[in-house]
Amino acid sequence: MLKVPLLDVPAQNGGLKEKLMKTFEGVLDSGLFILGPEVEAFEKEVAAYLGVDHAIGIS
């Protein structure tokens, strides 16, 4: 039987690891994982991508 992985996260994120770790560390150090600047930036980028006025990040 051929095993096909559902998702290869290390391969998918390999090129982004350094940037992701830096961002994660910044959020952890600031404690602003709720309503912090990264969340606000994410919401603005999602709204722009979707062509809407507002987007709200939720868990």
PDB file of N, CA and C in Angstrom:
ATOM      1  N   MET A   1       0.845  -1.180   0.000  1.00  0.00           N
ATOM      2  CA  MET A   1       0.000   0.000   0.000  1.00  0.00           C
ATOM      3  C   MET A   1       0.893   1.247   0.000  1.00  0.00           C
ATOM      4  N   LEU A   2       0.555   2.202  -0.828  1.00  0.00           N
ATOM      5  CA  LEU A   2       1.289   3.452  -0.936  1.00  0.00           C
ATOM      6  C   LEU A   2       0.804   4.426   0.125  1.00  0.00           C
ATOM      7  N   LYS A   3       1.728   4.939   0.951  1.00  0.00           N
ATOM      8  CA  LYS A   3       1.362   5.922   1.972  1.00  0.00           C
ATOM      9  C   LYS A   3       1.605   7.321   1.413  1.00  0.00           C
ATOM     10  N   VAL A   4       0.554   8.112   1.377  1.00  0.00           N
ATOM     11  CA  VAL A   4       0.647   9.485   0.906  1.00  0.00           C
ATOM     12  C   VAL A   4       0.379  10.396   2.099  1.00  0.00           C
ATOM     13  N   PRO A   5       1.361  11.237   2.468  1.00  0.00           N
ATOM     14  CA  PRO A   5       1.143  12.104   3.632  1.00  0.00           C
ATOM     15  C   PRO A   5       0.053  13.131   3.348  1.00  0.00           C
ATOM     16  N   LEU A   6      -0.766  13.378   4.358  1.00  0.00           N
ATOM     17  CA  LEU A   6      -1.839  14.357   4.221  1.00  0.00           C
ATOM     18  C   LEU A   6      -1.273  15.765   4.087  1.00  0.00           C
ATOM     19  N   LEU A   7      -0.265  16.069   4.925  1.00  0.00           N
ATOM     20  CA  LEU A   7       0.287  17.416   4.923  1.00  0.00           C
ATOM     21  C   LEU A   7       1.727  17.342   5.403  1.00  0.00           C
ATOM     22  N   ASP A   8       2.644  17.891   4.649  1.00  0.00           N
ATOM     23  CA  ASP A   8       4.056  17.911   5.026  1.00  0.00           C
ATOM     24  C   ASP A   8       4.400  19.327   5.483  1.00  0.00           C
ATOM     25  N   VAL A   9       4.115  19.615   6.745  1.00  0.00           N
ATOM     26  CA  VAL A   9       4.312  20.965   7.287  1.00  0.00           C
ATOM     27  C   VAL A   9       5.770  21.414   7.200  1.00  0.00           C
ATOM     28  N   PRO A  10       6.744  20.571   7.583  1.00  0.00           N
ATOM     29  CA  PRO A  10       8.133  21.028   7.472  1.00  0.00           C
ATOM     30  C   PRO A  10       8.515  21.439   6.041  1.00  0.00           C
ATOM     31  N   ALA A  11       8.092  20.696   5.059  1.00  0.00           N
ATOM     32  CA  ALA A  11       8.399  21.036   3.667  1.00  0.00           C
ATOM     33  C   ALA A  11       7.663  22.306   3.243  1.00  0.00           C
ATOM     34  N   GLN A  12       6.425  22.446   3.675  1.00  0.00           N
ATOM     35  CA  GLN A  12       5.602  23.594   3.306  1.00  0.00           C
ATOM     36  C   GLN A  12       6.154  24.889   3.889  1.00  0.00           C
ATOM     37  N   ASN A  13       6.617  24.849   5.143  1.00  0.00           N
ATOM     38  CA  ASN A  13       7.051  26.065   5.832  1.00  0.00           C
ATOM     39  C   ASN A  13       8.563  26.220   5.917  1.00  0.00           C
ATOM     40  N   GLY A  14       9.312  25.285   5.335  1.00  0.00           N
ATOM     41  CA  GLY A  14      10.761  25.306   5.446  1.00  0.00           C
ATOM     42  C   GLY A  14      11.402  26.625   5.085  1.00  0.00           C
ATOM     43  N   GLY A  15      11.010  27.212   3.971  1.00  0.00           N
ATOM     44  CA  GLY A  15      11.589  28.475   3.535  1.00  0.00           C
ATOM     45  C   GLY A  15      11.157  29.669   4.360  1.00  0.00           C
ATOM     46  N   LEU A  16      10.110  29.497   5.145  1.00  0.00           N
ATOM     47  CA  LEU A  16       9.588  30.596   5.960  1.00  0.00           C
ATOM     48  C   LEU A  16       9.957  30.477   7.430  1.00  0.00           C
ATOM     49  N   LYS A  17      10.663  29.419   7.799  1.00  0.00           N
ATOM     50  CA  LYS A  17      10.891  29.131   9.213  1.00  0.00           C
ATOM     51  C   LYS A  17      11.520  30.299   9.969  1.00  0.00           C
ATOM     52  N   GLU A  18      12.574  30.890   9.425  1.00  0.00           N
ATOM     53  CA  GLU A  18      13.255  31.979  10.127  1.00  0.00           C
ATOM     54  C   GLU A  18      12.313  33.164  10.359  1.00  0.00           C
ATOM     55  N   LYS A  19      11.568  33.542   9.332  1.00  0.00           N
ATOM     56  CA  LYS A  19      10.635  34.671   9.461  1.00  0.00           C
ATOM     57  C   LYS A  19       9.503  34.334  10.433  1.00  0.00           C
ATOM     58  N   LEU A  20       8.973  33.112  10.349  1.00  0.00           N
ATOM     59  CA  LEU A  20       7.897  32.700  11.257  1.00  0.00           C
ATOM     60  C   LEU A  20       8.367  32.696  12.703  1.00  0.00           C
ATOM     61  N   MET A  21       9.559  32.155  12.963  1.00  0.00           N
ATOM     62  CA  MET A  21      10.074  32.087  14.327  1.00  0.00           C
ATOM     63  C   MET A  21      10.293  33.487  14.899  1.00  0.00           C
ATOM     64  N   LYS A  22      10.810  34.393  14.098  1.00  0.00           N
ATOM     65  CA  LYS A  22      11.021  35.773  14.550  1.00  0.00           C
ATOM     66  C   LYS A  22       9.684  36.429  14.911  1.00  0.00           C
ATOM     67  N   THR A  23       8.688  36.212  14.072  1.00  0.00           N
ATOM     68  CA  THR A  23       7.362  36.773  14.338  1.00  0.00           C
ATOM     69  C   THR A  23       6.736  36.148  15.578  1.00  0.00           C
ATOM     70  N   PHE A  24       6.805  34.818  15.704  1.00  0.00           N
ATOM     71  CA  PHE A  24       6.256  34.137  16.883  1.00  0.00           C
ATOM     72  C   PHE A  24       6.916  34.640  18.153  1.00  0.00           C
ATOM     73  N   GLU A  25       8.246  34.772  18.133  1.00  0.00           N
ATOM     74  CA  GLU A  25       8.969  35.239  19.316  1.00  0.00           C
ATOM     75  C   GLU A  25       8.554  36.658  19.686  1.00  0.00           C
ATOM     76  N   GLY A  26       8.366  37.516  18.693  1.00  0.00           N
ATOM     77  CA  GLY A  26       7.927  38.888  18.961  1.00  0.00           C
ATOM     78  C   GLY A  26       6.565  38.929  19.622  1.00  0.00           C
ATOM     79  N   VAL A  27       5.657  38.107  19.136  1.00  0.00           N
ATOM     80  CA  VAL A  27       4.311  38.053  19.720  1.00  0.00           C
ATOM     81  C   VAL A  27       4.378  37.490  21.143  1.00  0.00           C
ATOM     82  N   LEU A  28       5.137  36.424  21.334  1.00  0.00           N
ATOM     83  CA  LEU A  28       5.261  35.838  22.673  1.00  0.00           C
ATOM     84  C   LEU A  28       5.896  36.818  23.646  1.00  0.00           C
ATOM     85  N   ASP A  29       6.938  37.514  23.219  1.00  0.00           N
ATOM     86  CA  ASP A  29       7.617  38.468  24.098  1.00  0.00           C
ATOM     87  C   ASP A  29       6.723  39.640  24.471  1.00  0.00           C
ATOM     88  N   SER A  30       5.891  40.100  23.537  1.00  0.00           N
ATOM     89  CA  SER A  30       5.016  41.252  23.813  1.00  0.00           C
ATOM     90  C   SER A  30       3.780  40.845  24.606  1.00  0.00           C
ATOM     91  N   GLY A  31       3.373  39.577  24.490  1.00  0.00           N
ATOM     92  CA  GLY A  31       2.148  39.125  25.151  1.00  0.00           C
ATOM     93  C   GLY A  31       0.888  39.609  24.453  1.00  0.00           C
ATOM     94  N   LEU A  32       1.037  40.233  23.289  1.00  0.00           N
ATOM     95  CA  LEU A  32      -0.115  40.819  22.584  1.00  0.00           C
ATOM     96  C   LEU A  32      -0.591  39.906  21.459  1.00  0.00           C
ATOM     97  N   PHE A  33      -0.965  38.689  21.824  1.00  0.00           N
ATOM     98  CA  PHE A  33      -1.485  37.778  20.810  1.00  0.00           C
ATOM     99  C   PHE A  33      -2.977  37.995  20.589  1.00  0.00           C
ATOM    100  N   ILE A  34      -3.594  38.815  21.432  1.00  0.00           N
ATOM    101  CA  ILE A  34      -4.991  39.232  21.245  1.00  0.00           C
ATOM    102  C   ILE A  34      -4.967  40.747  21.083  1.00  0.00           C
ATOM    103  N   LEU A  35      -5.499  41.237  19.993  1.00  0.00           N
ATOM    104  CA  LEU A  35      -5.577  42.668  19.685  1.00  0.00           C
ATOM    105  C   LEU A  35      -4.217  43.342  19.555  1.00  0.00           C
ATOM    106  N   GLY A  36      -3.171  42.588  19.264  1.00  0.00           N
ATOM    107  CA  GLY A  36      -1.846  43.169  19.067  1.00  0.00           C
ATOM    108  C   GLY A  36      -1.655  43.674  17.649  1.00  0.00           C
ATOM    109  N   PRO A  37      -0.511  44.281  17.383  1.00  0.00           N
ATOM    110  CA  PRO A  37      -0.260  44.851  16.054  1.00  0.00           C
ATOM    111  C   PRO A  37      -0.218  43.803  14.941  1.00  0.00           C
ATOM    112  N   GLU A  38       0.242  42.600  15.241  1.00  0.00           N
ATOM    113  CA  GLU A  38       0.254  41.547  14.225  1.00  0.00           C
ATOM    114  C   GLU A  38      -1.158  41.127  13.845  1.00  0.00           C
ATOM    115  N   VAL A  39      -2.056  41.088  14.831  1.00  0.00           N
ATOM    116  CA  VAL A  39      -3.451  40.734  14.559  1.00  0.00           C
ATOM    117  C   VAL A  39      -4.092  41.822  13.696  1.00  0.00           C
ATOM    118  N   GLU A  40      -3.842  43.075  14.054  1.00  0.00           N
ATOM    119  CA  GLU A  40      -4.403  44.191  13.283  1.00  0.00           C
ATOM    120  C   GLU A  40      -3.889  44.159  11.839  1.00  0.00           C
ATOM    121  N   ALA A  41      -2.594  43.909  11.671  1.00  0.00           N
ATOM    122  CA  ALA A  41      -2.031  43.840  10.320  1.00  0.00           C
ATOM    123  C   ALA A  41      -2.644  42.677   9.540  1.00  0.00           C
ATOM    124  N   PHE A  42      -2.801  41.527  10.206  1.00  0.00           N
ATOM    125  CA  PHE A  42      -3.416  40.364   9.562  1.00  0.00           C
ATOM    126  C   PHE A  42      -4.834  40.686   9.102  1.00  0.00           C
ATOM    127  N   GLU A  43      -5.623  41.310   9.973  1.00  0.00           N
ATOM    128  CA  GLU A  43      -7.005  41.642   9.625  1.00  0.00           C
ATOM    129  C   GLU A  43      -7.064  42.601   8.440  1.00  0.00           C
ATOM    130  N   LYS A  44      -6.163  43.579   8.408  1.00  0.00           N
ATOM    131  CA  LYS A  44      -6.139  44.532   7.286  1.00  0.00           C
ATOM    132  C   LYS A  44      -5.759  43.831   5.981  1.00  0.00           C
ATOM    133  N   GLU A  45      -4.774  42.947   6.053  1.00  0.00           N
ATOM    134  CA  GLU A  45      -4.351  42.231   4.845  1.00  0.00           C
ATOM    135  C   GLU A  45      -5.442  41.299   4.331  1.00  0.00           C
ATOM    136  N   VAL A  46      -6.146  40.627   5.232  1.00  0.00           N
ATOM    137  CA  VAL A  46      -7.236  39.741   4.824  1.00  0.00           C
ATOM    138  C   VAL A  46      -8.367  40.550   4.198  1.00  0.00           C
ATOM    139  N   ALA A  47      -8.714  41.676   4.820  1.00  0.00           N
ATOM    140  CA  ALA A  47      -9.780  42.532   4.273  1.00  0.00           C
ATOM    141  C   ALA A  47      -9.405  43.013   2.869  1.00  0.00           C
ATOM    142  N   ALA A  48      -8.165  43.442   2.694  1.00  0.00           N
ATOM    143  CA  ALA A  48      -7.721  43.914   1.373  1.00  0.00           C
ATOM    144  C   ALA A  48      -7.769  42.781   0.357  1.00  0.00           C
ATOM    145  N   TYR A  49      -7.315  41.602   0.770  1.00  0.00           N
ATOM    146  CA  TYR A  49      -7.320  40.442  -0.126  1.00  0.00           C
ATOM    147  C   TYR A  49      -8.737  40.088  -0.562  1.00  0.00           C
ATOM    148  N   LEU A  50      -9.681  40.172   0.381  1.00  0.00           N
ATOM    149  CA  LEU A  50     -11.064  39.822   0.088  1.00  0.00           C
ATOM    150  C   LEU A  50     -11.849  40.965  -0.548  1.00  0.00           C
ATOM    151  N   GLY A  51     -11.279  42.163  -0.556  1.00  0.00           N
ATOM    152  CA  GLY A  51     -11.960  43.313  -1.138  1.00  0.00           C
ATOM    153  C   GLY A  51     -13.122  43.796  -0.295  1.00  0.00           C
ATOM    154  N   VAL A  52     -12.963  43.712   1.019  1.00  0.00           N
ATOM    155  CA  VAL A  52     -14.001  44.172   1.940  1.00  0.00           C
ATOM    156  C   VAL A  52     -13.422  45.236   2.863  1.00  0.00           C
ATOM    157  N   ASP A  53     -14.297  45.947   3.559  1.00  0.00           N
ATOM    158  CA  ASP A  53     -13.854  47.028   4.450  1.00  0.00           C
ATOM    159  C   ASP A  53     -13.198  46.520   5.736  1.00  0.00           C
ATOM    160  N   HIS A  54     -13.696  45.387   6.247  1.00  0.00           N
ATOM    161  CA  HIS A  54     -13.218  44.896   7.550  1.00  0.00           C
ATOM    162  C   HIS A  54     -13.128  43.374   7.557  1.00  0.00           C
ATOM    163  N   ALA A  55     -12.188  42.889   8.340  1.00  0.00           N
ATOM    164  CA  ALA A  55     -12.082  41.451   8.611  1.00  0.00           C
ATOM    165  C   ALA A  55     -11.710  41.314  10.081  1.00  0.00           C
ATOM    166  N   ILE A  56     -12.221  40.304  10.737  1.00  0.00           N
ATOM    167  CA  ILE A  56     -11.962  40.095  12.157  1.00  0.00           C
ATOM    168  C   ILE A  56     -11.352  38.712  12.341  1.00  0.00           C
ATOM    169  N   GLY A  57     -10.173  38.673  12.966  1.00  0.00           N
ATOM    170  CA  GLY A  57      -9.524  37.416  13.264  1.00  0.00           C
ATOM    171  C   GLY A  57     -10.109  36.825  14.540  1.00  0.00           C
ATOM    172  N   ILE A  58     -10.496  35.566  14.481  1.00  0.00           N
ATOM    173  CA  ILE A  58     -11.026  34.876  15.660  1.00  0.00           C
ATOM    174  C   ILE A  58     -10.337  33.527  15.793  1.00  0.00           C
ATOM    175  N   SER A  59     -10.466  32.934  16.958  1.00  0.00           N
ATOM    176  CA  SER A  59      -9.807  31.634  17.164  1.00  0.00           C
ATOM    177  C   SER A  59     -10.532  30.523  16.435  1.00  0.00           C
TER     178      SER A  59
END
